[in-house]
Amino acid sequence: MIVRARIAGIIEGDPVNAEGEIEMKDGATVKKFLKQADGKMGFKKPKYFRLSLKQGIAPTMLLNGDRLDMPEGLKTILTEGDEVTVLLPMAGG
């Protein structure tokens, strides 16, 4: 199945704004998506999707425009044509 991926914000002081399509196995979860997205989008170092969950401030995760509650949202099963968006905080405060 094909899932659209978007990530935007600041990670380790660098601005990030990328989008693409990722081929996943049927029944993949959001957690599995986050583990595979970096490699499939060509991010070798830094691995933006993985780092997004390890920052001091949690990212906003959207599935088809609807906010996912974390960490429960990581268990959500994706379907063909879904769009996962990771919005990283621009600044603390």
PDB file of N, CA and C in Angstrom:
ATOM      1  N   MET A   1       0.848  -1.174   0.000  1.00  0.00           N
ATOM      2  CA  MET A   1       0.000   0.000   0.000  1.00  0.00           C
ATOM      3  C   MET A   1       0.894   1.238   0.000  1.00  0.00           C
ATOM      4  N   ILE A   2       0.361   2.331  -0.469  1.00  0.00           N
ATOM      5  CA  ILE A   2       1.095   3.599  -0.515  1.00  0.00           C
ATOM      6  C   ILE A   2       0.522   4.533   0.555  1.00  0.00           C
ATOM      7  N   VAL A   3       1.443   5.109   1.362  1.00  0.00           N
ATOM      8  CA  VAL A   3       1.081   6.070   2.404  1.00  0.00           C
ATOM      9  C   VAL A   3       1.856   7.355   2.129  1.00  0.00           C
ATOM     10  N   ARG A   4       1.173   8.484   2.176  1.00  0.00           N
ATOM     11  CA  ARG A   4       1.852   9.780   2.010  1.00  0.00           C
ATOM     12  C   ARG A   4       2.488  10.177   3.329  1.00  0.00           C
ATOM     13  N   ALA A   5       3.678  10.749   3.246  1.00  0.00           N
ATOM     14  CA  ALA A   5       4.417  11.160   4.434  1.00  0.00           C
ATOM     15  C   ALA A   5       4.775  12.628   4.333  1.00  0.00           C
ATOM     16  N   ARG A   6       4.618  13.332   5.437  1.00  0.00           N
ATOM     17  CA  ARG A   6       5.024  14.743   5.530  1.00  0.00           C
ATOM     18  C   ARG A   6       5.677  14.966   6.880  1.00  0.00           C
ATOM     19  N   ILE A   7       6.705  15.795   6.881  1.00  0.00           N
ATOM     20  CA  ILE A   7       7.343  16.190   8.129  1.00  0.00           C
ATOM     21  C   ILE A   7       7.783  17.638   7.986  1.00  0.00           C
ATOM     22  N   ALA A   8       7.535  18.431   9.017  1.00  0.00           N
ATOM     23  CA  ALA A   8       7.897  19.851   8.970  1.00  0.00           C
ATOM     24  C   ALA A   8       8.214  20.340  10.376  1.00  0.00           C
ATOM     25  N   GLY A   9       9.224  21.201  10.472  1.00  0.00           N
ATOM     26  CA  GLY A   9       9.593  21.793  11.748  1.00  0.00           C
ATOM     27  C   GLY A   9      11.096  21.911  11.875  1.00  0.00           C
ATOM     28  N   ILE A  10      11.582  21.849  13.112  1.00  0.00           N
ATOM     29  CA  ILE A  10      13.008  21.993  13.381  1.00  0.00           C
ATOM     30  C   ILE A  10      13.473  20.795  14.203  1.00  0.00           C
ATOM     31  N   ILE A  11      14.541  20.148  13.735  1.00  0.00           N
ATOM     32  CA  ILE A  11      15.149  19.030  14.464  1.00  0.00           C
ATOM     33  C   ILE A  11      16.637  19.307  14.581  1.00  0.00           C
ATOM     34  N   GLU A  12      17.118  19.246  15.798  1.00  0.00           N
ATOM     35  CA  GLU A  12      18.535  19.481  16.085  1.00  0.00           C
ATOM     36  C   GLU A  12      19.023  20.791  15.455  1.00  0.00           C
ATOM     37  N   GLY A  13      18.171  21.808  15.489  1.00  0.00           N
ATOM     38  CA  GLY A  13      18.525  23.126  14.986  1.00  0.00           C
ATOM     39  C   GLY A  13      18.400  23.295  13.484  1.00  0.00           C
ATOM     40  N   ASP A  14      18.043  22.232  12.770  1.00  0.00           N
ATOM     41  CA  ASP A  14      17.909  22.306  11.314  1.00  0.00           C
ATOM     42  C   ASP A  14      16.440  22.331  10.897  1.00  0.00           C
ATOM     43  N   PRO A  15      16.081  23.219   9.962  1.00  0.00           N
ATOM     44  CA  PRO A  15      14.710  23.197   9.452  1.00  0.00           C
ATOM     45  C   PRO A  15      14.491  21.966   8.575  1.00  0.00           C
ATOM     46  N   VAL A  16      13.323  21.368   8.722  1.00  0.00           N
ATOM     47  CA  VAL A  16      12.962  20.186   7.946  1.00  0.00           C
ATOM     48  C   VAL A  16      11.593  20.435   7.327  1.00  0.00           C
ATOM     49  N   ASN A  17      11.480  20.172   6.039  1.00  0.00           N
ATOM     50  CA  ASN A  17      10.199  20.264   5.343  1.00  0.00           C
ATOM     51  C   ASN A  17      10.267  19.303   4.163  1.00  0.00           C
ATOM     52  N   ALA A  18       9.642  18.136   4.320  1.00  0.00           N
ATOM     53  CA  ALA A  18       9.719  17.120   3.275  1.00  0.00           C
ATOM     54  C   ALA A  18       8.400  16.377   3.170  1.00  0.00           C
ATOM     55  N   GLU A  19       8.146  15.859   1.984  1.00  0.00           N
ATOM     56  CA  GLU A  19       6.979  15.019   1.772  1.00  0.00           C
ATOM     57  C   GLU A  19       7.282  14.020   0.685  1.00  0.00           C
ATOM     58  N   GLY A  20       6.564  12.920   0.723  1.00  0.00           N
ATOM     59  CA  GLY A  20       6.762  11.884  -0.280  1.00  0.00           C
ATOM     60  C   GLY A  20       5.771  10.763  -0.076  1.00  0.00           C
ATOM     61  N   GLU A  21       5.949   9.712  -0.850  1.00  0.00           N
ATOM     62  CA  GLU A  21       5.096   8.538  -0.743  1.00  0.00           C
ATOM     63  C   GLU A  21       5.956   7.362  -0.325  1.00  0.00           C
ATOM     64  N   ILE A  22       5.407   6.538   0.547  1.00  0.00           N
ATOM     65  CA  ILE A  22       6.128   5.396   1.093  1.00  0.00           C
ATOM     66  C   ILE A  22       5.306   4.138   0.851  1.00  0.00           C
ATOM     67  N   GLU A  23       5.958   3.112   0.340  1.00  0.00           N
ATOM     68  CA  GLU A  23       5.284   1.836   0.169  1.00  0.00           C
ATOM     69  C   GLU A  23       5.438   1.028   1.452  1.00  0.00           C
ATOM     70  N   MET A  24       4.319   0.584   1.986  1.00  0.00           N
ATOM     71  CA  MET A  24       4.285  -0.170   3.244  1.00  0.00           C
ATOM     72  C   MET A  24       3.518  -1.465   3.014  1.00  0.00           C
ATOM     73  N   LYS A  25       3.752  -2.450   3.888  1.00  0.00           N
ATOM     74  CA  LYS A  25       2.964  -3.678   3.856  1.00  0.00           C
ATOM     75  C   LYS A  25       1.581  -3.395   4.426  1.00  0.00           C
ATOM     76  N   ASP A  26       0.580  -4.089   3.917  1.00  0.00           N
ATOM     77  CA  ASP A  26      -0.773  -3.947   4.451  1.00  0.00           C
ATOM     78  C   ASP A  26      -0.770  -4.265   5.941  1.00  0.00           C
ATOM     79  N   GLY A  27      -1.546  -3.514   6.709  1.00  0.00           N
ATOM     80  CA  GLY A  27      -1.660  -3.727   8.142  1.00  0.00           C
ATOM     81  C   GLY A  27      -0.581  -3.036   8.961  1.00  0.00           C
ATOM     82  N   ALA A  28       0.269  -2.222   8.317  1.00  0.00           N
ATOM     83  CA  ALA A  28       1.330  -1.509   9.039  1.00  0.00           C
ATOM     84  C   ALA A  28       0.717  -0.479   9.988  1.00  0.00           C
ATOM     85  N   THR A  29       1.376  -0.275  11.118  1.00  0.00           N
ATOM     86  CA  THR A  29       0.935   0.707  12.103  1.00  0.00           C
ATOM     87  C   THR A  29       1.702   2.014  11.912  1.00  0.00           C
ATOM     88  N   VAL A  30       1.244   3.055  12.599  1.00  0.00           N
ATOM     89  CA  VAL A  30       1.947   4.339  12.574  1.00  0.00           C
ATOM     90  C   VAL A  30       3.362   4.154  13.130  1.00  0.00           C
ATOM     91  N   LYS A  31       3.524   3.335  14.159  1.00  0.00           N
ATOM     92  CA  LYS A  31       4.842   3.083  14.738  1.00  0.00           C
ATOM     93  C   LYS A  31       5.781   2.487  13.692  1.00  0.00           C
ATOM     94  N   LYS A  32       5.308   1.505  12.951  1.00  0.00           N
ATOM     95  CA  LYS A  32       6.127   0.882  11.903  1.00  0.00           C
ATOM     96  C   LYS A  32       6.442   1.900  10.804  1.00  0.00           C
ATOM     97  N   PHE A  33       5.471   2.731  10.474  1.00  0.00           N
ATOM     98  CA  PHE A  33       5.684   3.797   9.494  1.00  0.00           C
ATOM     99  C   PHE A  33       6.847   4.683   9.924  1.00  0.00           C
ATOM    100  N   LEU A  34       6.852   5.117  11.197  1.00  0.00           N
ATOM    101  CA  LEU A  34       7.901   6.003  11.687  1.00  0.00           C
ATOM    102  C   LEU A  34       9.269   5.335  11.645  1.00  0.00           C
ATOM    103  N   LYS A  35       9.318   4.031  11.859  1.00  0.00           N
ATOM    104  CA  LYS A  35      10.581   3.304  11.812  1.00  0.00           C
ATOM    105  C   LYS A  35      11.125   3.198  10.387  1.00  0.00           C
ATOM    106  N   GLN A  36      10.235   3.122   9.400  1.00  0.00           N
ATOM    107  CA  GLN A  36      10.652   2.901   8.016  1.00  0.00           C
ATOM    108  C   GLN A  36      10.728   4.175   7.178  1.00  0.00           C
ATOM    109  N   ALA A  37      10.061   5.227   7.609  1.00  0.00           N
ATOM    110  CA  ALA A  37       9.927   6.437   6.779  1.00  0.00           C
ATOM    111  C   ALA A  37      11.264   7.081   6.429  1.00  0.00           C
ATOM    112  N   ASP A  38      12.185   7.146   7.373  1.00  0.00           N
ATOM    113  CA  ASP A  38      13.469   7.800   7.097  1.00  0.00           C
ATOM    114  C   ASP A  38      14.195   7.139   5.937  1.00  0.00           C
ATOM    115  N   GLY A  39      14.351   5.842   5.998  1.00  0.00           N
ATOM    116  CA  GLY A  39      15.062   5.128   4.948  1.00  0.00           C
ATOM    117  C   GLY A  39      14.369   5.213   3.598  1.00  0.00           C
ATOM    118  N   LYS A  40      13.052   5.124   3.616  1.00  0.00           N
ATOM    119  CA  LYS A  40      12.304   5.141   2.359  1.00  0.00           C
ATOM    120  C   LYS A  40      12.227   6.526   1.743  1.00  0.00           C
ATOM    121  N   MET A  41      12.473   7.570   2.560  1.00  0.00           N
ATOM    122  CA  MET A  41      12.490   8.929   2.022  1.00  0.00           C
ATOM    123  C   MET A  41      13.917   9.432   1.808  1.00  0.00           C
ATOM    124  N   GLY A  42      14.905   8.569   2.072  1.00  0.00           N
ATOM    125  CA  GLY A  42      16.290   8.918   1.814  1.00  0.00           C
ATOM    126  C   GLY A  42      16.997   9.682   2.921  1.00  0.00           C
ATOM    127  N   PHE A  43      16.404   9.718   4.122  1.00  0.00           N
ATOM    128  CA  PHE A  43      17.059  10.380   5.253  1.00  0.00           C
ATOM    129  C   PHE A  43      17.988   9.378   5.927  1.00  0.00           C
ATOM    130  N   LYS A  44      19.292   9.570   5.754  1.00  0.00           N
ATOM    131  CA  LYS A  44      20.250   8.667   6.382  1.00  0.00           C
ATOM    132  C   LYS A  44      20.674   9.207   7.741  1.00  0.00           C
ATOM    133  N   LYS A  45      21.183  10.412   7.782  1.00  0.00           N
ATOM    134  CA  LYS A  45      21.543  11.081   9.034  1.00  0.00           C
ATOM    135  C   LYS A  45      21.301  12.553   8.849  1.00  0.00           C
ATOM    136  N   PRO A  46      20.590  13.197   9.698  1.00  0.00           N
ATOM    137  CA  PRO A  46      19.827  12.596  10.787  1.00  0.00           C
ATOM    138  C   PRO A  46      18.558  11.913  10.277  1.00  0.00           C
ATOM    139  N   LYS A  47      18.051  10.995  11.070  1.00  0.00           N
ATOM    140  CA  LYS A  47      16.806  10.293  10.753  1.00  0.00           C
ATOM    141  C   LYS A  47      15.670  11.077  11.388  1.00  0.00           C
ATOM    142  N   TYR A  48      15.074  11.961  10.596  1.00  0.00           N
ATOM    143  CA  TYR A  48      14.117  12.939  11.105  1.00  0.00           C
ATOM    144  C   TYR A  48      12.877  12.329  11.753  1.00  0.00           C
ATOM    145  N   PHE A  49      12.291  11.308  11.126  1.00  0.00           N
ATOM    146  CA  PHE A  49      11.067  10.739  11.696  1.00  0.00           C
ATOM    147  C   PHE A  49      11.346  10.092  13.053  1.00  0.00           C
ATOM    148  N   ARG A  50      12.437   9.363  13.171  1.00  0.00           N
ATOM    149  CA  ARG A  50      12.774   8.747  14.462  1.00  0.00           C
ATOM    150  C   ARG A  50      13.116   9.802  15.501  1.00  0.00           C
ATOM    151  N   LEU A  51      13.883  10.804  15.106  1.00  0.00           N
ATOM    152  CA  LEU A  51      14.257  11.858  16.048  1.00  0.00           C
ATOM    153  C   LEU A  51      13.050  12.665  16.526  1.00  0.00           C
ATOM    154  N   SER A  52      12.012  12.739  15.704  1.00  0.00           N
ATOM    155  CA  SER A  52      10.835  13.535  16.075  1.00  0.00           C
ATOM    156  C   SER A  52      10.209  13.054  17.382  1.00  0.00           C
ATOM    157  N   LEU A  53      10.327  11.766  17.672  1.00  0.00           N
ATOM    158  CA  LEU A  53       9.747  11.215  18.898  1.00  0.00           C
ATOM    159  C   LEU A  53      10.690  11.327  20.087  1.00  0.00           C
ATOM    160  N   LYS A  54      11.945  11.680  19.844  1.00  0.00           N
ATOM    161  CA  LYS A  54      12.941  11.707  20.913  1.00  0.00           C
ATOM    162  C   LYS A  54      13.292  13.118  21.367  1.00  0.00           C
ATOM    163  N   GLN A  55      12.607  14.115  20.854  1.00  0.00           N
ATOM    164  CA  GLN A  55      12.868  15.493  21.272  1.00  0.00           C
ATOM    165  C   GLN A  55      12.187  15.765  22.607  1.00  0.00           C
ATOM    166  N   GLY A  56      12.591  16.841  23.251  1.00  0.00           N
ATOM    167  CA  GLY A  56      12.004  17.200  24.538  1.00  0.00           C
ATOM    168  C   GLY A  56      10.523  17.530  24.451  1.00  0.00           C
ATOM    169  N   ILE A  57      10.096  18.088  23.326  1.00  0.00           N
ATOM    170  CA  ILE A  57       8.695  18.453  23.118  1.00  0.00           C
ATOM    171  C   ILE A  57       8.118  17.521  22.061  1.00  0.00           C
ATOM    172  N   ALA A  58       7.035  16.853  22.380  1.00  0.00           N
ATOM    173  CA  ALA A  58       6.440  15.884  21.466  1.00  0.00           C
ATOM    174  C   ALA A  58       5.906  16.567  20.203  1.00  0.00           C
ATOM    175  N   PRO A  59       6.042  15.907  19.053  1.00  0.00           N
ATOM    176  CA  PRO A  59       5.493  16.464  17.817  1.00  0.00           C
ATOM    177  C   PRO A  59       3.971  16.295  17.781  1.00  0.00           C
ATOM    178  N   THR A  60       3.342  17.052  16.915  1.00  0.00           N
ATOM    179  CA  THR A  60       1.932  16.837  16.626  1.00  0.00           C
ATOM    180  C   THR A  60       1.868  15.854  15.466  1.00  0.00           C
ATOM    181  N   MET A  61       1.141  14.762  15.661  1.00  0.00           N
ATOM    182  CA  MET A  61       1.003  13.742  14.631  1.00  0.00           C
ATOM    183  C   MET A  61      -0.417  13.789  14.088  1.00  0.00           C
ATOM    184  N   LEU A  62      -0.520  13.848  12.775  1.00  0.00           N
ATOM    185  CA  LEU A  62      -1.825  13.868  12.120  1.00  0.00           C
ATOM    186  C   LEU A  62      -1.971  12.656  11.207  1.00  0.00           C
ATOM    187  N   LEU A  63      -3.157  12.089  11.177  1.00  0.00           N
ATOM    188  CA  LEU A  63      -3.494  11.035  10.234  1.00  0.00           C
ATOM    189  C   LEU A  63      -4.675  11.534   9.432  1.00  0.00           C
ATOM    190  N   ASN A  64      -4.428  11.796   8.163  1.00  0.00           N
ATOM    191  CA  ASN A  64      -5.462  12.332   7.272  1.00  0.00           C
ATOM    192  C   ASN A  64      -6.056  13.628   7.823  1.00  0.00           C
ATOM    193  N   GLY A  65      -5.204  14.432   8.454  1.00  0.00           N
ATOM    194  CA  GLY A  65      -5.614  15.732   8.974  1.00  0.00           C
ATOM    195  C   GLY A  65      -6.168  15.724  10.382  1.00  0.00           C
ATOM    196  N   ASP A  66      -6.378  14.531  10.961  1.00  0.00           N
ATOM    197  CA  ASP A  66      -6.902  14.425  12.323  1.00  0.00           C
ATOM    198  C   ASP A  66      -5.764  14.107  13.284  1.00  0.00           C
ATOM    199  N   ARG A  67      -5.735  14.803  14.409  1.00  0.00           N
ATOM    200  CA  ARG A  67      -4.672  14.626  15.397  1.00  0.00           C
ATOM    201  C   ARG A  67      -4.749  13.244  16.040  1.00  0.00           C
ATOM    202  N   LEU A  68      -3.594  12.615  16.166  1.00  0.00           N
ATOM    203  CA  LEU A  68      -3.496  11.336  16.857  1.00  0.00           C
ATOM    204  C   LEU A  68      -3.069  11.582  18.298  1.00  0.00           C
ATOM    205  N   ASP A  69      -3.727  10.943  19.242  1.00  0.00           N
ATOM    206  CA  ASP A  69      -3.314  11.004  20.640  1.00  0.00           C
ATOM    207  C   ASP A  69      -2.144  10.045  20.827  1.00  0.00           C
ATOM    208  N   MET A  70      -1.091  10.542  21.443  1.00  0.00           N
ATOM    209  CA  MET A  70       0.099   9.725  21.664  1.00  0.00           C
ATOM    210  C   MET A  70       0.172   9.290  23.113  1.00  0.00           C
ATOM    211  N   PRO A  71       0.697   8.141  23.420  1.00  0.00           N
ATOM    212  CA  PRO A  71       1.332   7.187  22.517  1.00  0.00           C
ATOM    213  C   PRO A  71       0.361   6.189  21.890  1.00  0.00           C
ATOM    214  N   GLU A  72      -0.916   6.245  22.236  1.00  0.00           N
ATOM    215  CA  GLU A  72      -1.896   5.295  21.708  1.00  0.00           C
ATOM    216  C   GLU A  72      -1.964   5.325  20.184  1.00  0.00           C
ATOM    217  N   GLY A  73      -1.767   6.502  19.601  1.00  0.00           N
ATOM    218  CA  GLY A  73      -1.859   6.664  18.150  1.00  0.00           C
ATOM    219  C   GLY A  73      -0.834   5.853  17.377  1.00  0.00           C
ATOM    220  N   LEU A  74       0.253   5.464  18.034  1.00  0.00           N
ATOM    221  CA  LEU A  74       1.283   4.662  17.364  1.00  0.00           C
ATOM    222  C   LEU A  74       0.758   3.289  16.955  1.00  0.00           C
ATOM    223  N   LYS A  75      -0.314   2.831  17.592  1.00  0.00           N
ATOM    224  CA  LYS A  75      -0.889   1.516  17.298  1.00  0.00           C
ATOM    225  C   LYS A  75      -1.902   1.560  16.155  1.00  0.00           C
ATOM    226  N   THR A  76      -2.208   2.746  15.657  1.00  0.00           N
ATOM    227  CA  THR A  76      -3.202   2.899  14.603  1.00  0.00           C
ATOM    228  C   THR A  76      -2.752   2.190  13.334  1.00  0.00           C
ATOM    229  N   ILE A  77      -3.632   1.413  12.754  1.00  0.00           N
ATOM    230  CA  ILE A  77      -3.320   0.680  11.518  1.00  0.00           C
ATOM    231  C   ILE A  77      -3.611   1.579  10.327  1.00  0.00           C
ATOM    232  N   LEU A  78      -2.635   1.649   9.421  1.00  0.00           N
ATOM    233  CA  LEU A  78      -2.754   2.487   8.224  1.00  0.00           C
ATOM    234  C   LEU A  78      -3.423   1.713   7.094  1.00  0.00           C
ATOM    235  N   THR A  79      -4.048   2.461   6.193  1.00  0.00           N
ATOM    236  CA  THR A  79      -4.659   1.866   5.008  1.00  0.00           C
ATOM    237  C   THR A  79      -4.181   2.612   3.762  1.00  0.00           C
ATOM    238  N   GLU A  80      -4.397   2.015   2.625  1.00  0.00           N
ATOM    239  CA  GLU A  80      -3.997   2.592   1.335  1.00  0.00           C
ATOM    240  C   GLU A  80      -4.458   4.044   1.219  1.00  0.00           C
ATOM    241  N   GLY A  81      -3.528   4.933   0.858  1.00  0.00           N
ATOM    242  CA  GLY A  81      -3.865   6.331   0.623  1.00  0.00           C
ATOM    243  C   GLY A  81      -3.845   7.224   1.851  1.00  0.00           C
ATOM    244  N   ASP A  82      -3.578   6.658   3.039  1.00  0.00           N
ATOM    245  CA  ASP A  82      -3.502   7.488   4.244  1.00  0.00           C
ATOM    246  C   ASP A  82      -2.364   8.500   4.118  1.00  0.00           C
ATOM    247  N   GLU A  83      -2.471   9.581   4.883  1.00  0.00           N
ATOM    248  CA  GLU A  83      -1.426  10.598   4.938  1.00  0.00           C
ATOM    249  C   GLU A  83      -1.038  10.817   6.395  1.00  0.00           C
ATOM    250  N   VAL A  84       0.237  10.585   6.697  1.00  0.00           N
ATOM    251  CA  VAL A  84       0.769  10.797   8.040  1.00  0.00           C
ATOM    252  C   VAL A  84       1.606  12.071   8.001  1.00  0.00           C
ATOM    253  N   THR A  85       1.269  13.002   8.885  1.00  0.00           N
ATOM    254  CA  THR A  85       1.998  14.270   8.979  1.00  0.00           C
ATOM    255  C   THR A  85       2.598  14.413  10.369  1.00  0.00           C
ATOM    256  N   VAL A  86       3.879  14.751  10.415  1.00  0.00           N
ATOM    257  CA  VAL A  86       4.576  15.000  11.676  1.00  0.00           C
ATOM    258  C   VAL A  86       4.950  16.475  11.699  1.00  0.00           C
ATOM    259  N   LEU A  87       4.370  17.212  12.652  1.00  0.00           N
ATOM    260  CA  LEU A  87       4.652  18.642  12.799  1.00  0.00           C
ATOM    261  C   LEU A  87       5.484  18.837  14.058  1.00  0.00           C
ATOM    262  N   LEU A  88       6.679  19.352  13.874  1.00  0.00           N
ATOM    263  CA  LEU A  88       7.598  19.541  14.981  1.00  0.00           C
ATOM    264  C   LEU A  88       7.473  20.966  15.515  1.00  0.00           C
ATOM    265  N   PRO A  89       7.623  21.147  16.826  1.00  0.00           N
ATOM    266  CA  PRO A  89       7.533  22.495  17.375  1.00  0.00           C
ATOM    267  C   PRO A  89       8.630  23.381  16.802  1.00  0.00           C
ATOM    268  N   MET A  90       8.275  24.631  16.527  1.00  0.00           N
ATOM    269  CA  MET A  90       9.238  25.579  15.990  1.00  0.00           C
ATOM    270  C   MET A  90      10.055  26.215  17.098  1.00  0.00           C
ATOM    271  N   ALA A  91       9.473  26.294  18.298  1.00  0.00           N
ATOM    272  CA  ALA A  91      10.170  26.872  19.447  1.00  0.00           C
ATOM    273  C   ALA A  91       9.460  26.437  20.709  1.00  0.00           C
ATOM    274  N   GLY A  92      10.201  26.396  21.781  1.00  0.00           N
ATOM    275  CA  GLY A  92       9.598  26.053  23.073  1.00  0.00           C
ATOM    276  C   GLY A  92       8.955  27.296  23.683  1.00  0.00           C
ATOM    277  N   GLY A  93       8.247  27.089  24.768  1.00  0.00           N
ATOM    278  CA  GLY A  93       7.702  28.282  25.370  1.00  0.00           C
ATOM    279  C   GLY A  93       6.634  28.078  26.349  1.00  0.00           C
TER     280      GLY A  93
END
